[in-house]
Amino acid sequence: MRKLNIPIDTRWELLVVNNNSSDHTEAVLDKHADALPLRRLFERKQGHCFARNCAIEAARGDLLLWTDDDVLVDPDWLTEYVRAAHRWPDAGGFGGSVAPWLEEEPPKWFRKNWDFIKGLYVVREHYENAFPCPSELSPVGANMGVRLPIAKMHRFNERLGRVGATLSGGDDCEWLARLSESGIQFGWVGSAKVEHFIPKERLSEDFLRRWFNGAGRTSVRMDGTMPSKTLYGAPRWMWKKYFCSMILDKLLRPFRSRLWLSSFRRHHMMRGMIDEILAPTKPKSS
């Protein structure tokens, strides 16, 4: 952020939401406070969406840009969004490019299946600008913007999204769907670029397992389940898909093929859906 090129006629501030963290966040902010127009916010309720809504409540100005604490922004990141906001006055929001920034070279099976799994790492490597946003692209929280009056009217759903170390999600998709239903159009600002850090522990089967499990939980929170006969508290059809995909996962694992990864995904998503249904307390579907 200290390397950002700020347009001469633009005033900006950097909002940092400390979401009840127990690390050295405050020390990092102290280090940079004199060099940046920094405004600290604190949100005690744990969860990504609580933190985002805290930022929306406090934000001022015309345009609210989002990024994350594991992202490196390009020096022209803010400038490109400001240009797009002036160029496309009918756009209510914007999305930008996200390139992977790998801590180390991933395993061979991971590279072979990259096109299948890169969406999990919010990769958006499309560098052209366009309005409206192309249908094959969707903004992601690591790099997007929205006009502030729209953000004030459309808060994030606090029943969704990351909470602590859990990998539940769905908050971006649900938020974007609500904006689209309201007739709000997005522009694609491919020239607003960031790099998303991917640590070595995320280049693993264990991370994918936890991510797919979280995706299964999220799908139940967002969409619920169809009424059906149950077995041990969960729908019978869900148990059937779970066991079938688990067997296929085990059989295909030695090949590490696309077919294996598809069954692996289904296996752990089904497990996540069952876990969410059987959880003692779970958020109601919105």
Protein backbone atom coordinates (compact mmCIF):
# COMPACT_ATOMS: atom_id res chain seq x y z
CA MET A 1 0.00 0.00 0.00
CA ARG A 2 2.91 2.35 0.66
CA LYS A 3 3.93 1.98 -3.01
CA LEU A 4 0.52 2.93 -4.42
CA ASN A 5 0.40 5.66 -7.06
CA ILE A 6 -2.42 7.98 -5.95
CA PRO A 7 -4.07 10.26 -8.56
CA ILE A 8 -3.53 13.94 -7.79
CA ASP A 9 -7.24 14.72 -7.39
CA THR A 10 -7.98 11.67 -5.21
CA ARG A 11 -8.16 11.50 -1.42
CA TRP A 12 -8.08 8.06 0.15
CA GLU A 13 -7.81 6.25 3.45
CA LEU A 14 -6.86 2.71 4.39
CA LEU A 15 -9.30 0.93 6.69
CA VAL A 16 -7.88 -2.08 8.51
CA VAL A 17 -10.32 -4.22 10.47
CA ASN A 18 -8.79 -6.14 13.35
CA ASN A 19 -11.25 -9.02 13.69
CA ASN A 20 -10.43 -9.83 17.31
CA SER A 21 -7.05 -11.23 16.26
CA SER A 22 -4.47 -12.61 18.68
CA ASP A 23 -1.37 -12.07 16.54
CA HIS A 24 0.87 -9.03 15.98
CA THR A 25 -1.64 -7.06 13.86
CA GLU A 26 -1.44 -3.95 16.03
CA ALA A 27 2.38 -3.93 15.90
CA VAL A 28 2.26 -4.07 12.11
CA LEU A 29 -0.16 -1.15 12.03
CA ASP A 30 2.06 0.84 14.39
CA LYS A 31 4.98 0.31 12.02
CA HIS A 32 3.13 1.83 9.04
CA ALA A 33 0.85 4.36 10.73
CA ASP A 34 3.02 7.39 9.91
CA ALA A 35 3.38 6.47 6.22
CA LEU A 36 -0.25 5.71 5.35
CA PRO A 37 -3.67 7.38 5.84
CA LEU A 38 -4.49 4.50 8.16
CA ARG A 39 -7.73 4.15 10.13
CA ARG A 40 -7.95 1.24 12.52
CA LEU A 41 -11.22 -0.55 13.16
CA PHE A 42 -11.93 -3.33 15.62
CA GLU A 43 -14.64 -5.97 15.25
CA ARG A 44 -15.05 -8.29 18.22
CA LYS A 45 -17.49 -10.70 16.54
CA GLN A 46 -15.39 -13.36 14.83
CA GLY A 47 -16.08 -13.79 11.13
CA HIS A 48 -15.18 -12.39 7.74
CA CYS A 49 -18.60 -10.85 7.14
CA PHE A 50 -18.72 -9.19 10.56
CA ALA A 51 -15.38 -7.56 9.70
CA ARG A 52 -16.56 -6.49 6.26
CA ASN A 53 -19.75 -4.96 7.60
CA CYS A 54 -17.71 -3.12 10.22
CA ALA A 55 -15.71 -1.56 7.37
CA ILE A 56 -18.87 -0.64 5.45
CA GLU A 57 -20.29 1.07 8.52
CA ALA A 58 -17.14 3.16 8.99
CA ALA A 59 -16.28 3.87 5.35
CA ARG A 60 -16.47 7.36 3.86
CA GLY A 61 -16.12 8.70 0.32
CA ASP A 62 -17.41 7.45 -3.02
CA LEU A 63 -15.71 4.12 -3.69
CA LEU A 64 -14.96 1.22 -1.35
CA LEU A 65 -12.20 -1.14 -2.50
CA TRP A 66 -11.74 -4.57 -0.96
CA THR A 67 -8.64 -6.67 -0.57
CA ASP A 68 -7.27 -9.15 1.97
CA ASP A 69 -4.35 -9.45 4.37
CA ASP A 70 -2.63 -12.07 2.16
CA VAL A 71 -2.65 -9.93 -0.99
CA LEU A 72 0.04 -7.80 -2.64
CA VAL A 73 -1.47 -4.92 -4.62
CA ASP A 74 0.01 -3.50 -7.82
CA PRO A 75 1.23 0.14 -7.57
CA ASP A 76 -1.52 1.23 -10.01
CA TRP A 77 -4.26 -0.80 -8.28
CA LEU A 78 -6.16 2.15 -6.81
CA THR A 79 -5.54 4.37 -9.86
CA GLU A 80 -7.10 1.83 -12.23
CA TYR A 81 -10.24 1.55 -10.12
CA VAL A 82 -10.60 5.33 -9.90
CA ARG A 83 -10.29 5.58 -13.70
CA ALA A 84 -12.89 2.85 -14.21
CA ALA A 85 -15.31 4.52 -11.78
CA HIS A 86 -15.13 7.75 -13.83
CA ARG A 87 -15.24 5.95 -17.17
CA TRP A 88 -18.27 3.79 -16.33
CA PRO A 89 -20.66 5.89 -14.22
CA ASP A 90 -23.39 3.25 -14.65
CA ALA A 91 -21.28 0.55 -12.99
CA GLY A 92 -22.19 -0.06 -9.36
CA GLY A 93 -19.15 -2.21 -8.67
CA PHE A 94 -15.93 -3.56 -10.13
CA GLY A 95 -13.75 -6.67 -10.13
CA GLY A 96 -10.04 -6.97 -10.82
CA SER A 97 -7.37 -9.54 -11.67
CA VAL A 98 -5.87 -11.94 -9.12
CA ALA A 99 -2.66 -13.83 -9.89
CA PRO A 100 -1.33 -16.68 -7.72
CA TRP A 101 1.77 -15.96 -5.61
CA LEU A 102 3.05 -19.41 -4.62
CA GLU A 103 5.32 -19.86 -1.63
CA GLU A 104 6.86 -22.95 -3.24
CA GLU A 105 6.49 -25.13 -6.32
CA PRO A 106 3.36 -27.30 -5.95
CA PRO A 107 3.42 -31.11 -6.37
CA LYS A 108 3.06 -32.62 -9.82
CA TRP A 109 -0.55 -33.80 -9.31
CA PHE A 110 -1.48 -30.30 -8.19
CA ARG A 111 -0.01 -28.68 -11.31
CA LYS A 112 -1.69 -31.26 -13.53
CA ASN A 113 -5.11 -30.37 -12.11
CA TRP A 114 -4.55 -26.61 -11.77
CA ASP A 115 -7.28 -25.60 -14.23
CA PHE A 116 -9.76 -27.62 -12.19
CA ILE A 117 -8.88 -26.20 -8.77
CA LYS A 118 -7.60 -22.67 -9.41
CA GLY A 119 -11.02 -21.23 -8.60
CA LEU A 120 -10.46 -22.29 -4.99
CA TYR A 121 -7.52 -19.88 -4.88
CA VAL A 122 -9.60 -16.99 -6.32
CA VAL A 123 -7.40 -16.74 -9.41
CA ARG A 124 -8.71 -14.26 -12.00
CA GLU A 125 -6.01 -13.82 -14.65
CA HIS A 126 -7.89 -11.74 -17.22
CA TYR A 127 -6.24 -8.40 -17.81
CA GLU A 128 -8.57 -6.64 -20.27
CA ASN A 129 -11.05 -4.00 -19.08
CA ALA A 130 -14.73 -4.39 -19.97
CA PHE A 131 -18.20 -3.17 -19.04
CA PRO A 132 -20.43 -4.89 -18.22
CA CYS A 133 -18.39 -7.59 -16.52
CA PRO A 134 -18.05 -10.67 -18.80
CA SER A 135 -20.31 -13.53 -17.73
CA GLU A 136 -17.37 -15.93 -17.33
CA LEU A 137 -15.77 -13.66 -14.73
CA SER A 138 -17.00 -12.78 -11.27
CA PRO A 139 -15.36 -10.40 -8.77
CA VAL A 140 -13.81 -11.86 -5.64
CA GLY A 141 -13.23 -10.29 -2.24
CA ALA A 142 -9.46 -10.27 -2.66
CA ASN A 143 -9.84 -7.62 -5.37
CA MET A 144 -13.11 -5.79 -5.95
CA GLY A 145 -14.76 -2.43 -5.48
CA VAL A 146 -18.27 -1.06 -4.99
CA ARG A 147 -19.69 2.43 -4.85
CA LEU A 148 -20.17 3.25 -1.20
CA PRO A 149 -23.93 4.07 -1.28
CA ILE A 150 -24.54 0.61 -2.76
CA ALA A 151 -22.36 -1.04 -0.10
CA LYS A 152 -24.32 0.75 2.62
CA MET A 153 -27.57 -0.73 1.26
CA HIS A 154 -26.22 -4.24 0.74
CA ARG A 155 -24.33 -5.61 3.75
CA PHE A 156 -22.72 -9.05 3.77
CA ASN A 157 -24.68 -12.02 5.13
CA GLU A 158 -23.14 -12.71 8.54
CA ARG A 159 -24.35 -16.33 8.53
CA LEU A 160 -21.86 -17.06 5.74
CA GLY A 161 -18.13 -16.71 5.15
CA ARG A 162 -14.96 -17.59 7.01
CA VAL A 163 -14.99 -17.73 10.79
CA GLY A 164 -11.58 -18.23 12.37
CA ALA A 165 -9.82 -21.22 10.78
CA THR A 166 -12.96 -22.72 9.22
CA LEU A 167 -13.17 -22.80 5.42
CA SER A 168 -16.86 -22.10 4.99
CA GLY A 169 -17.63 -19.44 2.40
CA GLY A 170 -20.40 -18.37 0.02
CA ASP A 171 -20.47 -14.76 1.23
CA ASP A 172 -19.09 -13.23 -1.97
CA CYS A 173 -21.39 -15.26 -4.24
CA GLU A 174 -24.49 -14.53 -2.18
CA TRP A 175 -23.65 -10.82 -1.98
CA LEU A 176 -23.00 -10.54 -5.72
CA ALA A 177 -26.23 -12.41 -6.48
CA ARG A 178 -28.24 -9.94 -4.39
CA LEU A 179 -26.64 -7.00 -6.17
CA SER A 180 -27.35 -8.55 -9.55
CA GLU A 181 -30.99 -9.15 -8.60
CA SER A 182 -31.19 -5.45 -7.70
CA GLY A 183 -30.08 -4.54 -11.23
CA ILE A 184 -26.57 -3.44 -10.25
CA GLN A 185 -23.98 -4.05 -12.94
CA PHE A 186 -20.27 -4.64 -12.45
CA GLY A 187 -17.36 -3.61 -14.63
CA TRP A 188 -14.25 -5.73 -15.09
CA VAL A 189 -11.02 -3.83 -14.40
CA GLY A 190 -8.36 -6.34 -15.40
CA SER A 191 -5.71 -3.63 -15.15
CA ALA A 192 -6.34 -3.41 -11.37
CA LYS A 193 -4.01 -6.27 -10.45
CA VAL A 194 -3.12 -8.06 -7.23
CA GLU A 195 -1.16 -11.17 -6.26
CA HIS A 196 -2.73 -13.61 -3.81
CA PHE A 197 -0.26 -15.38 -1.52
CA ILE A 198 -0.70 -19.17 -1.41
CA PRO A 199 1.36 -20.70 1.42
CA LYS A 200 2.83 -24.17 1.02
CA GLU A 201 0.32 -25.74 3.41
CA ARG A 202 -2.48 -24.83 0.97
CA LEU A 203 -0.76 -26.71 -1.84
CA SER A 204 -1.88 -30.00 -0.34
CA GLU A 205 -4.60 -32.62 -0.37
CA ASP A 206 -5.44 -31.82 3.24
CA PHE A 207 -6.26 -28.20 2.38
CA LEU A 208 -8.46 -29.27 -0.54
CA ARG A 209 -10.26 -31.74 1.73
CA ARG A 210 -11.01 -29.00 4.28
CA TRP A 211 -12.01 -26.54 1.53
CA PHE A 212 -14.48 -28.98 -0.07
CA ASN A 213 -15.87 -29.89 3.34
CA GLY A 214 -16.44 -26.18 4.01
CA ALA A 215 -18.08 -25.79 0.59
CA GLY A 216 -20.51 -28.59 1.48
CA ARG A 217 -21.40 -26.91 4.75
CA THR A 218 -21.89 -23.60 2.96
CA SER A 219 -24.25 -25.11 0.39
CA VAL A 220 -26.55 -26.33 3.19
CA ARG A 221 -26.47 -22.92 4.89
CA MET A 222 -27.33 -21.14 1.66
CA ASP A 223 -29.78 -23.53 0.03
CA GLY A 224 -30.95 -25.95 2.71
CA THR A 225 -31.87 -29.49 1.57
CA MET A 226 -34.83 -31.02 -0.23
CA PRO A 227 -37.30 -32.87 2.00
CA SER A 228 -36.54 -36.61 1.88
CA LYS A 229 -36.33 -39.74 3.99
CA THR A 230 -33.47 -39.63 6.44
CA LEU A 231 -30.94 -42.04 7.87
CA TYR A 232 -29.22 -41.15 11.15
CA GLY A 233 -30.50 -37.59 10.77
CA ALA A 234 -29.31 -36.86 7.19
CA PRO A 235 -31.05 -37.53 3.84
CA ARG A 236 -30.58 -41.07 2.53
CA TRP A 237 -29.56 -39.84 -0.92
CA MET A 238 -26.79 -37.82 0.68
CA TRP A 239 -25.37 -40.87 2.48
CA LYS A 240 -25.51 -42.83 -0.78
CA LYS A 241 -23.58 -40.16 -2.70
CA TYR A 242 -21.13 -39.84 0.15
CA PHE A 243 -20.25 -43.55 0.28
CA CYS A 244 -20.16 -43.98 -3.52
CA SER A 245 -17.85 -41.02 -3.99
CA MET A 246 -15.68 -42.12 -1.06
CA ILE A 247 -15.15 -45.55 -2.65
CA LEU A 248 -14.36 -44.00 -6.03
CA ASP A 249 -11.98 -41.54 -4.36
CA LYS A 250 -10.05 -44.44 -2.75
CA LEU A 251 -9.92 -46.46 -5.97
CA LEU A 252 -8.71 -43.60 -8.18
CA ARG A 253 -6.32 -41.97 -5.69
CA PRO A 254 -3.17 -43.68 -7.08
CA PHE A 255 -3.76 -42.05 -10.50
CA ARG A 256 -4.27 -38.47 -9.24
CA SER A 257 -6.33 -37.76 -12.36
CA ARG A 258 -9.09 -35.24 -13.01
CA LEU A 259 -11.61 -38.04 -12.45
CA TRP A 260 -10.05 -38.76 -9.05
CA LEU A 261 -10.20 -35.10 -8.07
CA SER A 262 -13.87 -34.92 -9.08
CA SER A 263 -14.73 -37.87 -6.85
CA PHE A 264 -12.51 -36.46 -4.07
CA ARG A 265 -14.42 -33.18 -4.25
CA ARG A 266 -17.81 -34.89 -4.19
CA HIS A 267 -16.73 -37.15 -1.31
CA HIS A 268 -15.72 -34.30 0.98
CA MET A 269 -18.51 -31.93 -0.08
CA MET A 270 -21.05 -34.62 0.81
CA ARG A 271 -19.29 -35.13 4.13
CA GLY A 272 -19.49 -31.37 4.77
CA MET A 273 -23.20 -31.31 3.95
CA ILE A 274 -23.85 -34.17 6.34
CA ASP A 275 -21.72 -32.55 9.05
CA GLU A 276 -23.69 -29.31 8.71
CA ILE A 277 -27.06 -31.08 8.91
CA LEU A 278 -25.98 -33.05 11.98
CA ALA A 279 -24.38 -30.07 13.73
CA PRO A 280 -26.03 -29.34 17.12
CA THR A 281 -26.55 -25.70 16.14
CA LYS A 282 -26.30 -24.32 12.64
CA PRO A 283 -27.17 -20.98 11.04
CA LYS A 284 -30.57 -20.79 9.40
CA SER A 285 -30.66 -20.49 5.61
CA SER A 286 -31.12 -16.89 4.51
